[in-house]
Protein backbone atom coordinates (compact mmCIF):
# COMPACT_ATOMS: atom_id res chain seq x y z
CA MET A 1 -14.90 21.95 -9.14
CA PRO A 2 -12.20 19.61 -10.49
CA ALA A 3 -8.90 20.84 -11.90
CA SER A 4 -8.72 21.88 -15.53
CA LYS A 5 -7.54 19.33 -18.08
CA ASN A 6 -3.81 20.11 -18.11
CA ASP A 7 -3.45 21.45 -14.57
CA PRO A 8 -0.49 19.69 -12.87
CA GLU A 9 -2.16 19.90 -9.44
CA TYR A 10 -5.57 18.94 -8.08
CA ASN A 11 -7.85 21.77 -7.02
CA MET A 12 -7.47 21.85 -3.22
CA ASP A 13 -9.14 25.24 -2.75
CA HIS A 14 -12.75 24.14 -2.26
CA LEU A 15 -14.76 25.47 0.68
CA HIS A 16 -14.25 22.23 2.62
CA ARG A 17 -11.30 19.84 2.87
CA GLY A 18 -13.64 16.84 2.82
CA SER A 19 -14.80 13.82 4.80
CA ALA A 20 -12.50 11.32 6.46
CA ILE A 21 -13.68 8.09 8.05
CA ILE A 22 -11.57 5.81 10.23
CA PHE A 23 -12.69 2.18 10.51
CA ASN A 24 -11.00 0.67 13.56
CA PHE A 25 -11.17 -3.07 14.20
CA ASP A 26 -9.55 -4.21 17.44
CA GLN A 27 -12.10 -6.65 18.91
CA TRP A 28 -13.59 -9.73 17.24
CA ASP A 29 -16.57 -12.05 17.35
CA ASN A 30 -14.65 -15.32 17.26
CA THR A 31 -17.86 -17.31 17.74
CA THR A 32 -18.62 -16.83 14.02
CA LEU A 33 -15.38 -18.30 12.73
CA PRO A 34 -13.56 -19.65 15.82
CA GLU A 35 -10.82 -21.22 13.72
CA LEU A 36 -9.55 -17.73 12.83
CA ASP A 37 -8.75 -16.95 16.48
CA LEU A 38 -8.37 -13.23 15.72
CA GLN A 39 -6.54 -11.50 18.57
CA PRO A 40 -7.35 -8.05 20.02
CA ARG A 41 -5.30 -5.32 18.34
CA GLU A 42 -3.79 -3.53 21.33
CA GLY A 43 -2.62 -0.01 20.54
CA SER A 44 -5.19 0.57 17.81
CA GLN A 45 -7.24 2.98 19.94
CA LYS A 46 -4.19 5.23 20.21
CA ASP A 47 -3.75 5.06 16.43
CA LYS A 48 -7.39 6.04 15.96
CA SER A 49 -7.17 8.96 18.39
CA ASP A 50 -3.87 10.29 17.03
CA LEU A 51 -4.90 10.00 13.38
CA LYS A 52 -8.27 11.64 14.04
CA GLU A 53 -6.51 14.59 15.66
CA CYS A 54 -4.01 14.75 12.78
CA LEU A 55 -6.70 14.77 10.06
CA GLU A 56 -8.81 17.30 11.94
CA GLY A 57 -5.73 19.51 12.01
CA LEU A 58 -5.83 19.39 8.20
CA ASP A 59 -9.50 20.51 8.31
CA PHE A 60 -11.04 17.12 7.51
CA ASP A 61 -14.47 16.32 8.92
CA VAL A 62 -13.51 13.08 10.68
CA ASN A 63 -15.79 10.26 11.82
CA THR A 64 -14.66 7.04 13.49
CA GLU A 65 -16.31 3.63 13.56
CA ASP A 66 -15.30 0.71 15.78
CA ASN A 67 -15.68 -3.02 15.21
CA LEU A 68 -18.45 -3.16 12.61
CA ASP A 69 -19.70 -6.37 11.04
CA SER A 70 -19.76 -6.69 7.24
CA HIS A 71 -23.27 -5.25 6.79
CA GLN A 72 -22.54 -2.29 9.07
CA PHE A 73 -19.23 -1.66 7.32
CA TRP A 74 -20.77 -1.44 3.85
CA ASP A 75 -23.62 0.76 5.09
CA LYS A 76 -21.16 3.26 6.60
CA LEU A 77 -18.93 3.18 3.53
CA TRP A 78 -21.90 3.85 1.24
CA GLU A 79 -23.01 6.63 3.56
CA VAL A 80 -19.70 8.42 2.98
CA ARG A 81 -19.78 7.69 -0.76
CA ASP A 82 -23.30 9.08 -1.14
CA GLN A 83 -22.55 12.41 0.53
CA ASP A 84 -22.47 15.54 -1.63
CA HIS A 85 -18.74 16.17 -2.05
CA SER A 86 -19.18 19.07 -4.49
CA ALA A 87 -17.62 21.63 -2.13
CA SER A 88 -14.84 19.28 -0.93
CA ASP A 89 -11.23 18.80 -2.00
CA CYS A 90 -11.02 15.04 -1.47
CA VAL A 91 -11.98 12.10 0.74
CA VAL A 92 -9.98 9.85 3.09
CA VAL A 93 -10.88 6.29 4.12
CA VAL A 94 -8.75 4.58 6.78
CA ILE A 95 -9.02 0.90 7.75
CA MET A 96 -7.07 -0.56 10.68
CA SER A 97 -7.48 -4.30 11.15
CA HIS A 98 -6.02 -7.77 10.73
CA GLY A 99 -5.64 -8.81 7.12
CA GLU A 100 -4.33 -11.14 4.45
CA ARG A 101 -2.62 -9.90 1.30
CA ASN A 102 -5.26 -7.59 -0.30
CA LEU A 103 -8.06 -8.44 2.15
CA ILE A 104 -9.12 -6.99 5.50
CA TYR A 105 -11.09 -8.61 8.33
CA VAL A 106 -14.20 -7.03 9.86
CA LYS A 107 -15.64 -7.94 13.27
CA ASP A 108 -17.64 -11.01 12.20
CA GLY A 109 -14.64 -12.61 10.47
CA THR A 110 -15.66 -11.60 6.96
CA LEU A 111 -12.76 -10.89 4.61
CA ILE A 112 -13.35 -7.89 2.35
CA PRO A 113 -11.16 -7.29 -0.73
CA VAL A 114 -9.56 -3.84 -0.69
CA ASN A 115 -10.32 -3.32 -4.38
CA LEU A 116 -14.07 -3.57 -3.70
CA ILE A 117 -13.71 -0.74 -1.19
CA TRP A 118 -11.98 1.81 -3.40
CA GLN A 119 -14.10 0.89 -6.41
CA GLU A 120 -17.14 2.26 -4.55
CA PHE A 121 -15.57 5.72 -4.94
CA ALA A 122 -14.81 5.47 -8.67
CA ALA A 123 -15.94 8.46 -10.72
CA ASP A 124 -19.01 6.73 -12.14
CA LYS A 125 -20.24 5.68 -8.67
CA CYS A 126 -19.39 8.90 -6.84
CA PRO A 127 -19.79 11.76 -9.34
CA THR A 128 -19.25 14.59 -6.83
CA LEU A 129 -15.74 13.19 -6.23
CA ALA A 130 -14.96 12.72 -9.93
CA GLY A 131 -11.64 14.34 -10.73
CA LYS A 132 -10.75 14.65 -7.03
CA PRO A 133 -8.28 12.64 -4.92
CA LYS A 134 -9.61 9.57 -3.10
CA ILE A 135 -7.10 8.53 -0.41
CA PHE A 136 -7.20 5.08 1.23
CA ILE A 137 -4.94 4.12 4.15
CA ILE A 138 -4.76 0.44 5.15
CA GLN A 139 -3.06 -0.67 8.39
CA ALA A 140 -3.11 -4.49 8.30
CA CYS A 141 -0.89 -7.48 7.70
CA ARG A 142 -0.78 -8.67 4.09
CA GLY A 143 0.92 -11.98 4.85
CA SER A 144 3.10 -13.67 7.45
CA SER A 145 6.63 -13.06 6.13
CA TYR A 146 9.03 -11.01 8.24
CA ASP A 147 11.63 -8.65 6.85
CA ASN A 148 15.11 -9.21 8.29
CA GLY A 149 16.53 -6.14 6.56
CA THR A 150 19.96 -5.54 5.03
CA ARG A 151 22.56 -3.22 6.53
CA LEU A 152 23.78 -0.44 4.23
CA TYR A 153 27.21 1.19 4.29
CA GLY A 154 28.16 4.42 2.59
CA GLN A 155 28.85 8.12 2.84
CA GLN A 156 25.93 10.53 3.24
CA GLU A 157 25.42 12.88 0.30
CA LEU A 158 22.90 15.70 -0.06
CA ILE A 159 20.91 15.65 -3.30
CA PRO A 160 18.88 18.77 -4.19
CA SER A 161 15.20 18.19 -5.08
CA PRO A 162 13.92 19.50 -8.45
CA ARG A 163 11.28 22.24 -8.28
CA ARG A 164 8.39 23.06 -10.64
CA ASN A 165 6.70 26.35 -11.34
CA ASP A 166 3.70 25.46 -13.56
CA GLN A 167 0.74 27.76 -14.06
CA ASN A 168 -2.90 26.67 -13.98
CA ASP A 169 -5.29 26.82 -16.91
CA SER A 170 -8.42 28.93 -16.56
CA GLY A 171 -11.80 29.26 -18.23
CA ALA A 172 -14.60 26.78 -18.98
CA PHE A 173 -13.58 23.22 -19.82
CA SER A 174 -14.72 19.61 -20.06
CA TYR A 175 -12.84 16.36 -20.63
CA VAL A 176 -13.10 12.63 -19.97
CA ILE A 177 -11.14 10.81 -17.26
CA PRO A 178 -10.95 7.06 -16.51
CA ASN A 179 -13.34 6.00 -13.73
CA ALA A 180 -10.44 4.43 -11.82
CA ALA A 181 -8.35 7.62 -11.87
CA ASP A 182 -7.51 9.75 -8.83
CA ILE A 183 -7.06 6.87 -6.34
CA PHE A 184 -4.19 6.71 -3.83
CA LEU A 185 -3.75 3.52 -1.78
CA ALA A 186 -1.27 3.44 1.10
CA PHE A 187 -0.55 0.10 2.77
CA SER A 188 1.40 -0.46 5.97
CA CYS A 189 3.50 -3.17 4.28
CA PRO A 190 4.06 -4.90 0.92
CA ALA A 191 1.92 -7.86 -0.14
CA GLY A 192 2.92 -11.06 1.65
CA GLN A 193 4.52 -9.36 4.65
CA ALA A 194 3.55 -8.67 8.26
CA SER A 195 2.80 -5.26 9.75
CA TRP A 196 4.05 -4.23 13.20
CA ARG A 197 2.15 -2.56 16.03
CA HIS A 198 3.10 -1.54 19.58
CA PRO A 199 0.44 -2.24 22.27
CA ASP A 200 0.98 1.14 23.94
CA GLU A 201 2.41 3.38 21.22
CA GLY A 202 0.31 2.24 18.24
CA SER A 203 1.37 0.90 14.85
CA TRP A 204 4.60 1.98 13.19
CA PHE A 205 2.69 3.01 10.05
CA ILE A 206 -0.11 5.13 11.53
CA GLN A 207 2.24 6.84 13.98
CA ALA A 208 4.62 7.68 11.12
CA ILE A 209 1.73 9.14 9.10
CA CYS A 210 0.77 11.37 12.02
CA LYS A 211 4.37 12.49 12.55
CA ILE A 212 5.00 13.33 8.88
CA LEU A 213 1.63 14.99 8.21
CA ASN A 214 1.85 17.11 11.35
CA LYS A 215 5.28 18.31 10.25
CA GLU A 216 5.10 18.55 6.45
CA ALA A 217 1.50 18.44 5.19
CA TYR A 218 1.44 22.03 3.94
CA THR A 219 4.89 22.01 2.35
CA THR A 220 5.08 18.62 0.62
CA ASP A 221 2.90 16.84 -1.94
CA LEU A 222 1.00 13.67 -0.98
CA GLN A 223 3.17 11.08 -2.71
CA THR A 224 6.36 12.61 -1.31
CA LEU A 225 4.73 12.69 2.12
CA PHE A 226 4.18 8.95 1.93
CA THR A 227 7.73 8.41 0.71
CA HIS A 228 8.82 10.15 3.90
CA VAL A 229 6.40 7.93 5.86
CA ALA A 230 8.00 4.87 4.25
CA ARG A 231 11.46 6.05 5.29
CA GLU A 232 10.30 6.83 8.83
CA VAL A 233 8.89 3.31 9.21
CA ALA A 234 11.84 1.62 7.52
CA VAL A 235 14.80 3.21 9.30
CA ASN A 236 13.44 4.24 12.70
CA ASN A 237 11.73 1.03 13.81
CA GLU A 238 12.88 -2.47 14.68
CA SER A 239 11.03 -5.21 16.54
CA SER A 240 12.42 -6.39 19.87
CA THR A 241 11.09 -9.77 21.01
CA PRO A 242 14.05 -11.67 22.52
CA THR A 243 11.76 -14.42 23.84
CA ASP A 244 10.53 -15.07 20.28
CA PRO A 245 13.62 -15.06 18.02
CA ALA A 246 11.53 -15.62 14.88
CA LYS A 247 10.03 -12.15 15.36
CA ASP A 248 13.06 -10.40 16.88
CA LYS A 249 14.95 -7.58 15.13
CA LYS A 250 12.54 -7.39 12.20
CA VAL A 251 11.90 -4.29 10.12
CA GLN A 252 9.12 -3.07 7.87
CA VAL A 253 8.56 -0.84 4.85
CA THR A 254 5.29 0.62 3.63
CA SER A 255 3.78 0.24 0.17
CA SER A 256 1.59 2.46 -1.97
CA THR A 257 -0.11 2.35 -5.35
CA SER A 258 -1.64 5.23 -7.22
CA THR A 259 -3.80 6.21 -10.16
CA LEU A 260 -3.41 9.90 -9.33
CA ILE A 261 -3.01 12.00 -12.48
CA ARG A 262 -1.95 15.20 -10.72
CA ILE A 263 -0.05 16.38 -7.67
CA VAL A 264 -1.94 16.56 -4.35
CA LYS A 265 -0.90 19.48 -2.15
CA PHE A 266 -2.81 20.47 0.97
CA SER A 267 -3.34 24.21 1.22
CA LYS A 268 -4.42 25.93 4.42
CA LYS A 269 -8.10 26.78 4.52
CA ARG A 270 -8.89 30.47 4.84
CA VAL A 271 -10.93 31.51 7.88
CA ILE A 272 -13.79 33.78 6.83
CA SER A 273 -14.65 36.30 9.54
CA ARG A 274 -17.81 38.41 9.63
CA SER A 275 -17.72 42.19 9.90
CA PRO A 276 -19.31 43.98 12.92
CA GLU A 277 -21.98 45.36 10.57
CA ILE A 278 -23.06 41.84 9.59
CA ASP A 279 -23.17 40.79 13.26
CA LYS A 280 -25.39 43.78 14.08
CA ILE A 281 -27.81 42.99 11.24
CA THR A 282 -27.93 39.34 12.37
CA GLU A 283 -28.68 40.38 15.96
CA VAL A 284 -31.56 42.64 14.85
CA PHE A 285 -32.98 39.90 12.62
CA GLU A 286 -32.87 37.34 15.45
CA ASN A 287 -34.57 39.77 17.87
CA VAL A 288 -37.37 40.44 15.40
CA ASN A 289 -37.91 36.72 14.87
CA GLY A 290 -37.74 35.81 18.53
CA ASN A 291 -34.42 34.07 18.09
CA ASN A 292 -36.15 31.19 16.29
CA LYS A 293 -33.87 28.85 14.42
CA HIS A 294 -34.81 26.27 11.84
CA GLU A 295 -33.93 22.66 12.56
CA PRO A 296 -31.44 21.20 10.11
CA PRO A 297 -32.91 18.80 7.59
CA SER A 298 -32.70 15.12 8.51
CA PRO A 299 -30.00 13.23 6.59
CA SER A 300 -31.14 11.23 3.59
CA THR A 301 -31.18 7.48 4.00
CA VAL A 302 -28.55 5.38 2.29
CA ASP A 303 -29.69 3.14 -0.50
CA ALA A 304 -28.76 -0.28 0.83
CA ASP A 305 -30.29 -2.26 -2.02
CA GLU A 306 -26.89 -2.93 -3.54
CA GLU A 307 -25.51 -6.43 -3.14
CA ILE A 308 -23.22 -6.95 -0.17
CA ILE A 309 -20.36 -9.18 -1.16
CA ASN A 310 -19.58 -11.61 1.67
CA CYS A 311 -16.09 -13.04 1.48
CA SER A 312 -16.13 -14.81 4.84
CA HIS A 313 -15.00 -18.09 3.29
CA VAL A 314 -12.00 -16.63 1.49
CA SER A 315 -8.97 -18.17 3.16
CA ASN A 316 -5.96 -16.79 1.26
CA PRO A 317 -7.04 -14.09 -0.32
CA VAL A 318 10.29 20.51 -0.05
CA ASN A 319 12.81 19.92 2.42
CA PRO A 320 14.61 16.65 2.81
CA VAL A 321 13.92 15.00 6.16
CA PRO A 322 17.12 14.08 8.03
CA VAL A 323 17.45 10.37 8.66
CA PRO A 324 18.50 9.50 12.23
CA GLU A 325 21.05 6.76 12.52
CA ILE A 326 19.69 5.28 15.75
CA LYS A 327 16.57 3.10 15.89
CA THR A 328 13.97 4.86 18.02
CA ASN A 329 11.24 2.27 18.59
CA LEU A 330 12.99 -0.53 20.44
CA VAL A 331 10.78 -1.90 23.23
CA THR A 332 11.32 -5.40 24.51
CA ASN A 333 8.67 -8.11 24.15
CA VAL A 334 5.80 -5.83 23.12
CA ASN A 335 5.86 -5.70 19.32
CA LEU A 336 2.76 -7.26 17.80
CA VAL A 337 1.72 -8.07 14.25
CA ASP A 338 -1.57 -7.46 12.42
CA SER A 339 -1.87 -10.91 10.85
């Protein structure tokens, strides 16, 4: 059930954490639109594997999909949308691909606007997620500009973080929320800029997410987590391509936008264990019934009658973390971009 009207935090105590789907695009059908010349995204398989493990550690039910065309992509997205999320805290959708500004490429060269993706999970289209966080993570270039960075000078100073101690409301309630509420969008870079990826180590953004979530997910709220991700990407990474000076010694910062109306805090799921008495009763019941088990019901089919929007011809679409002073991701001639 969603949080009560004036609760400062989302209800993250459902039976299940929720579904997470990772769409990975690292190979392309350049015969469709050969002029795009989309290059393989080396390192993306490591991102997919590491992020899957990270989200599973937070009790998400994670599925991964590789290199889908536009029709396959929408079918899988609708499949997640149409699940019954009543017993879930939230949902996570991850897309790793090449991109342009607020658009992402799928395998057949189609460009899909990011806003069409998150709008499929709005409260009026996905009622079992109404009032719950919908988290979207986009690893892709949003332009071709490179960030040269600016060196800062100063004396380090510790600033204490404010703390809150609000209580939750209780009892029956009902209220109206905007359909576009409860959305969190995290991008690997600001609009107009390039996003960096290492062919062996993965992208700066996804690897930072894994590092921060593995360390702080149960002690820090979502938006602060992604502030820490932004700092990790910004101060601990620098491109090193001496043979290509235009791309050498470049930096990156992440970007996020939110319509969240409460704080998102991941709480550990309780493990429910059965008593020996229950196990004994179950054993007797199975012996009487010859250990017969019912087959699970087949999943319902996804209604694919909705219009698929093809954009293939779009051309331009609470503990402070110490900040190391030394750049840690300096590898010569292997930094790639997702443009």
